[in-house]
């Protein structure tokens, strides 16, 4: 057999595969092989099976944050922070050409509502006026912390603010929109 990649080697004619153990094994002992952290669709196409309860199954969701552009640097910066904190892949946008931020997020059974998606959605639902009020009321560092933690943008300390009801309504719109997205995916 040819040289190994460290785990297995295959005969050039495809007649056999030899797996290499990383420890001594008793003759006749049952051995296990892993296919890696792959979603069910990839396992089905590559190996012809789908395990039940696969924690790596996911739905890929691509979203555009229309308000996160170079014209609104504060919102863009916070959306990028949310994306980075929540494991979102930034696809593009937010550049000098005025294009909106585009991100890809994976919804999994382990993380059905990633904090990145929630944070970007919350920022997107706030109209310019309430967003400006929020920035005047809550520091950017505190907003970044709340985004990373998956918390609402306006917290209990802002409950007495004149804009709290507007922020609260934005939160409800955000959650309703995510509910409709998830309903369409199911």
N, C-alpha and C. Protein backbone atom coordinates (compact mmCIF):
# COMPACT_ATOMS: atom_id res chain seq x y z
N UNK A 1 0.84 -1.19 0.00
CA UNK A 1 0.00 0.00 0.00
C UNK A 1 0.88 1.25 0.00
N UNK A 2 0.38 2.34 -0.61
CA UNK A 2 1.17 3.58 -0.63
C UNK A 2 1.24 4.21 0.76
N UNK A 3 2.04 5.28 0.86
CA UNK A 3 2.21 5.99 2.14
C UNK A 3 0.88 6.49 2.66
N UNK A 4 0.78 6.61 3.96
CA UNK A 4 -0.45 7.01 4.63
C UNK A 4 -0.49 8.51 4.85
N UNK A 5 -1.72 9.04 4.98
CA UNK A 5 -1.89 10.46 5.35
C UNK A 5 -1.94 10.60 6.87
N UNK A 6 -1.66 9.51 7.58
CA UNK A 6 -1.67 9.55 9.05
C UNK A 6 -2.81 8.77 9.65
N UNK A 7 -3.88 8.47 8.90
CA UNK A 7 -5.04 7.76 9.43
C UNK A 7 -5.32 6.47 8.67
N UNK A 8 -5.17 6.50 7.36
CA UNK A 8 -5.45 5.31 6.56
C UNK A 8 -4.66 5.39 5.27
N UNK A 9 -4.60 4.28 4.61
CA UNK A 9 -4.02 4.25 3.28
C UNK A 9 -4.84 3.29 2.43
N UNK A 10 -4.88 3.59 1.16
CA UNK A 10 -5.71 2.84 0.22
C UNK A 10 -4.84 2.30 -0.90
N UNK A 11 -5.14 1.08 -1.33
CA UNK A 11 -4.44 0.49 -2.47
C UNK A 11 -4.77 1.29 -3.72
N UNK A 12 -3.81 1.46 -4.61
CA UNK A 12 -4.03 2.27 -5.81
C UNK A 12 -5.15 1.72 -6.68
N UNK A 13 -5.40 0.42 -6.63
CA UNK A 13 -6.48 -0.15 -7.43
C UNK A 13 -7.82 -0.11 -6.69
N UNK A 14 -7.83 0.44 -5.45
CA UNK A 14 -9.06 0.57 -4.68
C UNK A 14 -9.54 -0.73 -4.07
N UNK A 15 -8.70 -1.77 -4.08
CA UNK A 15 -9.12 -3.09 -3.59
C UNK A 15 -9.23 -3.17 -2.08
N UNK A 16 -8.50 -2.33 -1.37
CA UNK A 16 -8.58 -2.38 0.08
C UNK A 16 -8.14 -1.05 0.69
N UNK A 17 -8.56 -0.88 1.93
CA UNK A 17 -8.19 0.30 2.72
C UNK A 17 -7.65 -0.23 4.04
N UNK A 18 -6.57 0.34 4.50
CA UNK A 18 -5.97 -0.05 5.76
C UNK A 18 -6.03 1.15 6.71
N UNK A 19 -6.71 0.97 7.86
CA UNK A 19 -6.78 2.02 8.85
C UNK A 19 -5.65 1.84 9.84
N UNK A 20 -5.04 2.91 10.25
CA UNK A 20 -3.94 2.85 11.18
C UNK A 20 -4.43 3.25 12.57
N UNK A 21 -4.17 2.41 13.54
CA UNK A 21 -4.56 2.69 14.92
C UNK A 21 -3.49 3.56 15.57
N UNK A 22 -3.92 4.41 16.49
CA UNK A 22 -2.99 5.27 17.22
C UNK A 22 -2.55 4.64 18.54
N UNK A 23 -3.08 3.44 18.81
CA UNK A 23 -2.72 2.70 20.03
C UNK A 23 -2.81 1.21 19.71
N UNK A 24 -2.19 0.39 20.54
CA UNK A 24 -2.28 -1.05 20.35
C UNK A 24 -3.70 -1.53 20.59
N UNK A 25 -4.13 -2.51 19.79
CA UNK A 25 -5.47 -3.07 19.89
C UNK A 25 -5.38 -4.59 19.99
N UNK A 26 -6.29 -5.16 20.72
CA UNK A 26 -6.37 -6.62 20.81
C UNK A 26 -6.91 -7.15 19.48
N UNK A 27 -6.39 -8.30 19.04
CA UNK A 27 -6.89 -8.91 17.83
C UNK A 27 -8.37 -9.24 18.01
N UNK A 28 -9.18 -8.89 17.04
CA UNK A 28 -10.62 -9.14 17.08
C UNK A 28 -11.42 -8.06 17.78
N UNK A 29 -10.75 -7.06 18.36
CA UNK A 29 -11.47 -5.97 19.05
C UNK A 29 -12.21 -5.11 18.03
N UNK A 30 -13.36 -4.60 18.42
CA UNK A 30 -14.13 -3.71 17.54
C UNK A 30 -13.43 -2.36 17.46
N UNK A 31 -13.28 -1.86 16.26
CA UNK A 31 -12.64 -0.57 16.03
C UNK A 31 -13.65 0.37 15.41
N UNK A 32 -13.48 1.66 15.67
CA UNK A 32 -14.40 2.66 15.15
C UNK A 32 -13.65 3.68 14.30
N UNK A 33 -14.31 4.17 13.30
CA UNK A 33 -13.76 5.21 12.44
C UNK A 33 -14.70 6.40 12.48
N UNK A 34 -14.17 7.57 12.44
CA UNK A 34 -15.01 8.76 12.41
C UNK A 34 -14.95 9.37 11.01
N UNK A 35 -16.07 9.90 10.60
CA UNK A 35 -16.13 10.59 9.31
C UNK A 35 -15.87 12.08 9.49
N UNK A 36 -15.70 12.51 10.71
CA UNK A 36 -15.48 13.92 10.99
C UNK A 36 -16.78 14.62 11.32
N UNK A 37 -16.67 15.89 11.63
CA UNK A 37 -17.84 16.71 11.98
C UNK A 37 -18.51 17.17 10.70
N UNK A 38 -19.41 16.32 10.17
CA UNK A 38 -20.05 16.60 8.88
C UNK A 38 -21.56 16.58 9.04
N UNK A 39 -22.26 17.42 8.29
CA UNK A 39 -23.72 17.39 8.32
C UNK A 39 -24.25 16.15 7.61
N UNK A 40 -25.49 15.79 7.92
CA UNK A 40 -26.10 14.60 7.34
C UNK A 40 -26.11 14.59 5.83
N UNK A 41 -26.35 15.73 5.19
CA UNK A 41 -26.39 15.79 3.72
C UNK A 41 -25.05 15.37 3.12
N UNK A 42 -23.95 15.79 3.72
CA UNK A 42 -22.63 15.42 3.22
C UNK A 42 -22.35 13.93 3.45
N UNK A 43 -22.78 13.40 4.59
CA UNK A 43 -22.59 11.97 4.86
C UNK A 43 -23.44 11.13 3.89
N UNK A 44 -24.65 11.59 3.60
CA UNK A 44 -25.51 10.87 2.65
C UNK A 44 -24.89 10.84 1.26
N UNK A 45 -24.42 11.98 0.78
CA UNK A 45 -23.84 12.04 -0.56
C UNK A 45 -22.50 11.30 -0.65
N UNK A 46 -21.70 11.35 0.38
CA UNK A 46 -20.38 10.74 0.33
C UNK A 46 -20.34 9.29 0.73
N UNK A 47 -21.17 8.88 1.70
CA UNK A 47 -21.06 7.53 2.23
C UNK A 47 -22.38 6.77 2.27
N UNK A 48 -23.47 7.43 1.91
CA UNK A 48 -24.74 6.72 1.78
C UNK A 48 -25.51 6.47 3.06
N UNK A 49 -25.27 7.23 4.11
CA UNK A 49 -26.04 7.07 5.34
C UNK A 49 -26.24 8.43 6.00
N UNK A 50 -27.26 8.48 6.86
CA UNK A 50 -27.54 9.70 7.63
C UNK A 50 -27.76 9.28 9.08
N UNK A 51 -26.89 9.71 10.00
CA UNK A 51 -27.09 9.36 11.41
C UNK A 51 -28.22 10.19 12.03
N UNK A 52 -28.97 9.58 12.91
CA UNK A 52 -30.02 10.31 13.62
C UNK A 52 -29.39 11.20 14.68
N UNK A 53 -29.96 12.36 14.90
CA UNK A 53 -29.49 13.25 15.95
C UNK A 53 -28.09 13.79 15.73
N UNK A 54 -27.71 13.97 14.49
CA UNK A 54 -26.37 14.46 14.17
C UNK A 54 -26.23 15.91 14.65
N UNK A 55 -25.33 16.19 15.59
CA UNK A 55 -25.18 17.57 16.08
C UNK A 55 -24.58 18.51 15.04
N UNK A 56 -24.08 17.96 13.93
CA UNK A 56 -23.48 18.79 12.90
C UNK A 56 -24.43 19.14 11.76
N UNK A 57 -25.68 18.67 11.84
CA UNK A 57 -26.66 19.07 10.83
C UNK A 57 -26.91 20.55 10.96
N UNK A 58 -27.08 21.21 9.85
CA UNK A 58 -27.30 22.65 9.89
C UNK A 58 -28.12 23.11 8.70
N UNK A 59 -28.69 24.28 8.87
CA UNK A 59 -29.34 25.00 7.78
C UNK A 59 -28.53 26.26 7.59
N UNK A 60 -28.13 26.49 6.35
CA UNK A 60 -27.33 27.69 6.06
C UNK A 60 -28.28 28.83 5.73
N UNK A 61 -28.07 29.95 6.40
CA UNK A 61 -28.92 31.11 6.20
C UNK A 61 -28.03 32.29 5.82
N UNK A 62 -28.34 32.90 4.70
CA UNK A 62 -27.60 34.08 4.25
C UNK A 62 -28.52 35.27 4.40
N UNK A 63 -28.05 36.30 5.12
CA UNK A 63 -28.88 37.48 5.33
C UNK A 63 -28.13 38.74 4.92
N UNK A 64 -28.91 39.74 4.55
CA UNK A 64 -28.37 41.05 4.21
C UNK A 64 -28.90 42.04 5.24
N UNK A 65 -28.01 42.76 5.86
CA UNK A 65 -28.38 43.80 6.83
C UNK A 65 -28.39 45.12 6.07
N UNK A 66 -29.54 45.47 5.52
CA UNK A 66 -29.66 46.63 4.62
C UNK A 66 -29.24 47.94 5.25
N UNK A 67 -29.38 48.06 6.57
CA UNK A 67 -29.01 49.32 7.23
C UNK A 67 -27.54 49.38 7.63
N UNK A 68 -26.84 48.25 7.56
CA UNK A 68 -25.42 48.20 7.94
C UNK A 68 -24.57 48.49 6.70
N UNK A 69 -24.39 49.77 6.43
CA UNK A 69 -23.60 50.21 5.28
C UNK A 69 -22.55 51.22 5.74
N UNK A 70 -21.70 51.63 4.82
CA UNK A 70 -20.68 52.63 5.19
C UNK A 70 -21.31 53.96 5.56
N UNK A 71 -22.57 54.19 5.16
CA UNK A 71 -23.26 55.43 5.53
C UNK A 71 -23.65 55.44 7.00
N UNK A 72 -23.73 54.27 7.62
CA UNK A 72 -24.06 54.16 9.04
C UNK A 72 -22.95 53.34 9.71
N UNK A 73 -21.82 53.99 9.93
CA UNK A 73 -20.63 53.31 10.46
C UNK A 73 -20.85 52.69 11.84
N UNK A 74 -21.65 53.36 12.69
CA UNK A 74 -21.89 52.81 14.03
C UNK A 74 -22.64 51.48 13.94
N UNK A 75 -23.69 51.46 13.12
CA UNK A 75 -24.48 50.23 12.98
C UNK A 75 -23.63 49.13 12.31
N UNK A 76 -22.86 49.51 11.29
CA UNK A 76 -21.99 48.55 10.61
C UNK A 76 -20.98 47.94 11.58
N UNK A 77 -20.37 48.81 12.39
CA UNK A 77 -19.37 48.33 13.37
C UNK A 77 -19.99 47.36 14.36
N UNK A 78 -21.18 47.67 14.86
CA UNK A 78 -21.85 46.79 15.82
C UNK A 78 -22.29 45.48 15.16
N UNK A 79 -22.75 45.55 13.91
CA UNK A 79 -23.12 44.32 13.19
C UNK A 79 -21.90 43.43 12.98
N UNK A 80 -20.77 44.03 12.65
CA UNK A 80 -19.53 43.25 12.47
C UNK A 80 -19.09 42.63 13.80
N UNK A 81 -19.26 43.37 14.90
CA UNK A 81 -18.95 42.81 16.22
C UNK A 81 -19.87 41.62 16.54
N UNK A 82 -21.15 41.78 16.23
CA UNK A 82 -22.10 40.69 16.47
C UNK A 82 -21.73 39.48 15.63
N UNK A 83 -21.38 39.71 14.37
CA UNK A 83 -21.01 38.61 13.47
C UNK A 83 -19.78 37.87 13.99
N UNK A 84 -18.79 38.62 14.43
CA UNK A 84 -17.55 38.01 14.93
C UNK A 84 -17.79 37.24 16.23
N UNK A 85 -18.62 37.79 17.10
CA UNK A 85 -18.87 37.15 18.39
C UNK A 85 -19.70 35.89 18.25
N UNK A 86 -20.53 35.85 17.23
CA UNK A 86 -21.45 34.72 17.10
C UNK A 86 -21.09 33.71 16.05
N UNK A 87 -19.89 33.77 15.51
CA UNK A 87 -19.46 32.76 14.54
C UNK A 87 -20.10 32.89 13.18
N UNK A 88 -20.43 34.09 12.78
CA UNK A 88 -21.01 34.36 11.48
C UNK A 88 -19.90 34.56 10.46
N UNK A 89 -20.13 34.17 9.24
CA UNK A 89 -19.17 34.43 8.17
C UNK A 89 -19.60 35.68 7.42
N UNK A 90 -18.73 36.68 7.37
CA UNK A 90 -19.03 37.91 6.63
C UNK A 90 -18.73 37.64 5.16
N UNK A 91 -19.74 37.80 4.31
CA UNK A 91 -19.59 37.54 2.88
C UNK A 91 -19.18 38.77 2.11
N UNK A 92 -19.55 39.93 2.60
CA UNK A 92 -19.19 41.16 1.91
C UNK A 92 -20.08 42.30 2.34
N UNK A 93 -19.95 43.40 1.60
CA UNK A 93 -20.74 44.58 1.89
C UNK A 93 -20.09 45.46 2.94
N UNK A 94 -20.77 46.56 3.22
CA UNK A 94 -20.25 47.50 4.20
C UNK A 94 -19.06 48.27 3.69
N UNK A 95 -18.80 48.21 2.41
CA UNK A 95 -17.64 48.88 1.85
C UNK A 95 -18.01 50.26 1.31
N UNK A 96 -17.03 50.95 0.78
CA UNK A 96 -17.22 52.33 0.30
C UNK A 96 -18.25 52.44 -0.81
N UNK A 97 -18.54 51.34 -1.50
CA UNK A 97 -19.53 51.40 -2.58
C UNK A 97 -20.96 51.51 -2.06
N UNK A 98 -21.14 51.46 -0.72
CA UNK A 98 -22.46 51.62 -0.13
C UNK A 98 -23.26 50.33 -0.02
N UNK A 99 -22.66 49.20 -0.39
CA UNK A 99 -23.39 47.93 -0.32
C UNK A 99 -23.61 47.51 1.13
N UNK A 100 -24.76 46.90 1.41
CA UNK A 100 -25.06 46.47 2.77
C UNK A 100 -24.25 45.23 3.17
N UNK A 101 -24.13 45.04 4.45
CA UNK A 101 -23.41 43.89 5.00
C UNK A 101 -24.18 42.61 4.68
N UNK A 102 -23.45 41.60 4.20
CA UNK A 102 -24.03 40.28 3.95
C UNK A 102 -23.28 39.26 4.77
N UNK A 103 -24.04 38.39 5.45
CA UNK A 103 -23.43 37.37 6.30
C UNK A 103 -24.09 36.02 6.06
N UNK A 104 -23.35 34.98 6.40
CA UNK A 104 -23.87 33.61 6.37
C UNK A 104 -23.76 33.06 7.78
N UNK A 105 -24.83 32.43 8.22
CA UNK A 105 -24.85 31.84 9.55
C UNK A 105 -25.41 30.42 9.43
N UNK A 106 -24.89 29.52 10.24
CA UNK A 106 -25.36 28.14 10.25
C UNK A 106 -26.27 27.93 11.46
N UNK A 107 -27.48 27.48 11.20
CA UNK A 107 -28.41 27.15 12.27
C UNK A 107 -28.27 25.65 12.52
N UNK A 108 -27.97 25.27 13.74
CA UNK A 108 -27.79 23.87 14.09
C UNK A 108 -28.72 23.50 15.23
N UNK A 109 -28.83 22.21 15.48
CA UNK A 109 -29.65 21.79 16.61
C UNK A 109 -29.00 22.24 17.92
N UNK A 110 -27.67 22.30 17.94
CA UNK A 110 -26.96 22.76 19.14
C UNK A 110 -27.10 24.26 19.31
N UNK A 111 -27.22 25.00 18.22
CA UNK A 111 -27.34 26.45 18.29
C UNK A 111 -28.36 26.92 17.25
N UNK A 112 -29.67 26.73 17.57
CA UNK A 112 -30.71 27.06 16.59
C UNK A 112 -30.89 28.56 16.37
N UNK A 113 -30.47 29.38 17.32
CA UNK A 113 -30.56 30.83 17.16
C UNK A 113 -29.22 31.43 17.59
N UNK A 114 -28.25 31.44 16.68
CA UNK A 114 -26.94 31.98 17.03
C UNK A 114 -27.02 33.44 17.46
N UNK A 115 -26.18 33.80 18.43
CA UNK A 115 -26.19 35.18 18.94
C UNK A 115 -25.89 36.17 17.83
N UNK A 116 -25.09 35.79 16.84
CA UNK A 116 -24.79 36.69 15.73
C UNK A 116 -26.06 37.05 14.96
N UNK A 117 -26.86 36.04 14.64
CA UNK A 117 -28.10 36.28 13.90
C UNK A 117 -29.05 37.14 14.71
N UNK A 118 -29.17 36.84 15.98
CA UNK A 118 -30.05 37.61 16.85
C UNK A 118 -29.58 39.07 16.96
N UNK A 119 -28.28 39.26 17.17
CA UNK A 119 -27.75 40.62 17.30
C UNK A 119 -27.90 41.45 16.03
N UNK A 120 -27.56 40.86 14.89
CA UNK A 120 -27.68 41.59 13.62
C UNK A 120 -29.14 41.91 13.34
N UNK A 121 -30.03 40.96 13.61
CA UNK A 121 -31.46 41.20 13.41
C UNK A 121 -31.97 42.33 14.30
N UNK A 122 -31.51 42.35 15.54
CA UNK A 122 -31.92 43.42 16.46
C UNK A 122 -31.45 44.78 15.94
N UNK A 123 -30.22 44.84 15.50
CA UNK A 123 -29.68 46.11 14.98
C UNK A 123 -30.42 46.53 13.71
N UNK A 124 -30.76 45.58 12.88
CA UNK A 124 -31.43 45.87 11.61
C UNK A 124 -32.84 46.41 11.82
N UNK A 125 -33.52 45.96 12.85
CA UNK A 125 -34.91 46.37 13.08
C UNK A 125 -35.03 47.76 13.70
N UNK A 126 -33.95 48.31 14.23
CA UNK A 126 -34.03 49.65 14.82
C UNK A 126 -33.93 50.71 13.73
N UNK A 127 -34.94 51.54 13.63
CA UNK A 127 -34.92 52.64 12.67
C UNK A 127 -33.81 53.63 13.05
N UNK A 128 -33.40 54.49 12.13
CA UNK A 128 -32.29 55.41 12.42
C UNK A 128 -32.47 56.26 13.68
N UNK A 129 -33.65 56.84 13.90
CA UNK A 129 -33.88 57.68 15.08
C UNK A 129 -33.68 56.93 16.39
N UNK A 130 -34.40 55.82 16.58
CA UNK A 130 -34.21 55.04 17.80
C UNK A 130 -32.79 54.49 17.95
N UNK A 131 -32.14 54.17 16.83
CA UNK A 131 -30.76 53.67 16.91
C UNK A 131 -29.85 54.77 17.43
N UNK A 132 -30.02 55.99 16.95
CA UNK A 132 -29.22 57.13 17.42
C UNK A 132 -29.47 57.37 18.90
N UNK A 133 -30.73 57.28 19.32
CA UNK A 133 -31.06 57.44 20.75
C UNK A 133 -30.40 56.35 21.59
N UNK A 134 -30.40 55.13 21.06
CA UNK A 134 -29.78 54.03 21.78
C UNK A 134 -28.29 54.30 21.97
N UNK A 135 -27.62 54.77 20.91
CA UNK A 135 -26.19 55.08 21.00
C UNK A 135 -25.93 56.20 22.01
N UNK A 136 -26.87 57.14 22.12
CA UNK A 136 -26.71 58.24 23.07
C UNK A 136 -26.96 57.79 24.51
N UNK A 137 -27.70 56.68 24.67
CA UNK A 137 -28.08 56.20 26.00
C UNK A 137 -27.15 55.11 26.52
N UNK A 138 -26.70 54.23 25.63
CA UNK A 138 -25.91 53.06 26.02
C UNK A 138 -24.55 53.15 25.32
N UNK A 139 -23.48 52.93 26.05
CA UNK A 139 -22.15 53.01 25.45
C UNK A 139 -21.97 51.90 24.41
N UNK A 140 -21.09 52.15 23.44
CA UNK A 140 -20.83 51.13 22.42
C UNK A 140 -20.21 49.89 23.05
N UNK A 141 -19.40 50.06 24.08
CA UNK A 141 -18.81 48.91 24.76
C UNK A 141 -19.90 48.04 25.39
N UNK A 142 -20.89 48.69 26.01
CA UNK A 142 -21.98 47.94 26.63
C UNK A 142 -22.85 47.28 25.56
N UNK A 143 -23.09 47.98 24.44
CA UNK A 143 -23.85 47.37 23.34
C UNK A 143 -23.11 46.14 22.79
N UNK A 144 -21.80 46.26 22.64
CA UNK A 144 -20.99 45.14 22.15
C UNK A 144 -21.10 43.96 23.11
N UNK A 145 -21.07 44.23 24.41
CA UNK A 145 -21.20 43.17 25.41
C UNK A 145 -22.56 42.49 25.30
N UNK A 146 -23.61 43.30 25.16
CA UNK A 146 -24.96 42.74 25.06
C UNK A 146 -25.11 41.91 23.79
N UNK A 147 -24.54 42.38 22.69
CA UNK A 147 -24.60 41.62 21.44
C UNK A 147 -23.89 40.27 21.59
N UNK A 148 -22.72 40.28 22.21
CA UNK A 148 -21.96 39.05 22.40
C UNK A 148 -22.69 38.06 23.30
N UNK A 149 -23.44 38.59 24.25
CA UNK A 149 -24.15 37.74 25.21
C UNK A 149 -25.54 37.34 24.72
N UNK A 150 -25.98 37.91 23.58
CA UNK A 150 -27.32 37.60 23.07
C UNK A 150 -28.42 38.31 23.83
N UNK A 151 -28.07 39.38 24.52
CA UNK A 151 -29.06 40.12 25.31
C UNK A 151 -29.75 41.18 24.46
N UNK A 152 -30.95 41.62 24.87
CA UNK A 152 -31.60 42.73 24.16
C UNK A 152 -30.72 43.97 24.18
N UNK A 153 -30.86 44.82 23.18
CA UNK A 153 -30.04 46.02 23.09
C UNK A 153 -30.36 47.01 24.21
N UNK A 154 -31.64 47.13 24.54
CA UNK A 154 -32.04 48.01 25.63
C UNK A 154 -32.34 47.14 26.84
N UNK A 155 -31.66 47.41 27.93
CA UNK A 155 -31.82 46.61 29.13
C UNK A 155 -32.66 47.29 30.18
N UNK A 156 -32.73 46.70 31.37
CA UNK A 156 -33.54 47.24 32.46
C UNK A 156 -33.14 48.66 32.85
N UNK A 157 -31.84 48.98 32.72
CA UNK A 157 -31.40 50.33 33.10
C UNK A 157 -31.99 51.41 32.20
N UNK A 158 -32.39 51.03 31.00
CA UNK A 158 -32.96 52.02 30.07
C UNK A 158 -34.49 52.03 30.09
N UNK A 159 -35.10 51.26 30.99
CA UNK A 159 -36.56 51.12 31.02
C UNK A 159 -37.28 52.45 31.18
N UNK A 160 -36.70 53.41 31.86
CA UNK A 160 -37.34 54.70 32.04
C UNK A 160 -37.13 55.65 30.86
N UNK A 161 -36.32 55.27 29.91
CA UNK A 161 -36.02 56.13 28.77
C UNK A 161 -37.25 56.31 27.89
N UNK A 162 -37.35 57.49 27.29
CA UNK A 162 -38.49 57.76 26.40
C UNK A 162 -38.49 56.85 25.18
N UNK A 163 -37.35 56.31 24.81
CA UNK A 163 -37.26 55.44 23.64
C UNK A 163 -37.39 53.96 23.97
N UNK A 164 -37.52 53.64 25.26
CA UNK A 164 -37.54 52.22 25.63
C UNK A 164 -38.64 51.47 24.91
N UNK A 165 -39.85 52.07 24.81
CA UNK A 165 -40.97 51.40 24.15
C UNK A 165 -40.66 51.15 22.67
N UNK A 166 -40.00 52.10 22.03
CA UNK A 166 -39.63 51.94 20.62
C UNK A 166 -38.61 50.80 20.50
N UNK A 167 -37.64 50.74 21.39
CA UNK A 167 -36.64 49.67 21.36
C UNK A 167 -37.32 48.33 21.61
N UNK A 168 -38.25 48.32 22.56
CA UNK A 168 -38.98 47.09 22.89
C UNK A 168 -39.79 46.62 21.67
N UNK A 169 -40.43 47.52 20.96
CA UNK A 169 -41.19 47.16 19.75
C UNK A 169 -40.25 46.62 18.68
N UNK A 170 -39.06 47.21 18.55
CA UNK A 170 -38.07 46.70 17.60
C UNK A 170 -37.65 45.28 17.95
N UNK A 171 -37.51 45.01 19.24
CA UNK A 171 -37.17 43.67 19.71
C UNK A 171 -38.27 42.68 19.33
N UNK A 172 -39.51 43.06 19.52
CA UNK A 172 -40.63 42.18 19.16
C UNK A 172 -40.66 41.93 17.65
N UNK A 173 -40.43 42.98 16.84
CA UNK A 173 -40.40 42.80 15.37
C UNK A 173 -39.27 41.86 14.97
N UNK A 174 -38.13 42.02 15.60
CA UNK A 174 -36.98 41.16 15.31
C UNK A 174 -37.33 39.70 15.59
N UNK A 175 -37.89 39.42 16.75
CA UNK A 175 -38.21 38.05 17.13
C UNK A 175 -39.32 37.47 16.26
N UNK A 176 -40.29 38.29 15.87
CA UNK A 176 -41.36 37.82 14.98
C UNK A 176 -40.80 37.47 13.61
N UNK A 177 -39.91 38.30 13.10
CA UNK A 177 -39.32 38.02 11.79
C UNK A 177 -38.51 36.73 11.83
N UNK A 178 -37.73 36.53 12.89
CA UNK A 178 -36.98 35.29 13.02
C UNK A 178 -37.92 34.09 13.13
N UNK A 179 -39.04 34.27 13.81
CA UNK A 179 -40.04 33.20 13.92
C UNK A 179 -40.55 32.81 12.53
N UNK A 180 -40.84 33.81 11.68
CA UNK A 180 -41.33 33.53 10.33
C UNK A 180 -40.25 32.85 9.49
N UNK A 181 -39.00 33.28 9.64
CA UNK A 181 -37.89 32.65 8.89
C UNK A 181 -37.79 31.19 9.28
N UNK A 182 -37.81 30.90 10.59
CA UNK A 182 -37.68 29.53 11.04
C UNK A 182 -38.87 28.69 10.58
N UNK A 183 -40.07 29.29 10.59
CA UNK A 183 -41.26 28.57 10.12
C UNK A 183 -41.12 28.19 8.65
N UNK A 184 -40.55 29.08 7.85
CA UNK A 184 -40.36 28.79 6.43
C UNK A 184 -39.29 27.72 6.21
N UNK A 185 -38.30 27.68 7.07
CA UNK A 185 -37.23 26.67 6.95
C UNK A 185 -37.72 25.29 7.33
N UNK A 186 -38.69 25.22 8.24
CA UNK A 186 -39.18 23.92 8.69
C UNK A 186 -40.20 23.44 7.70
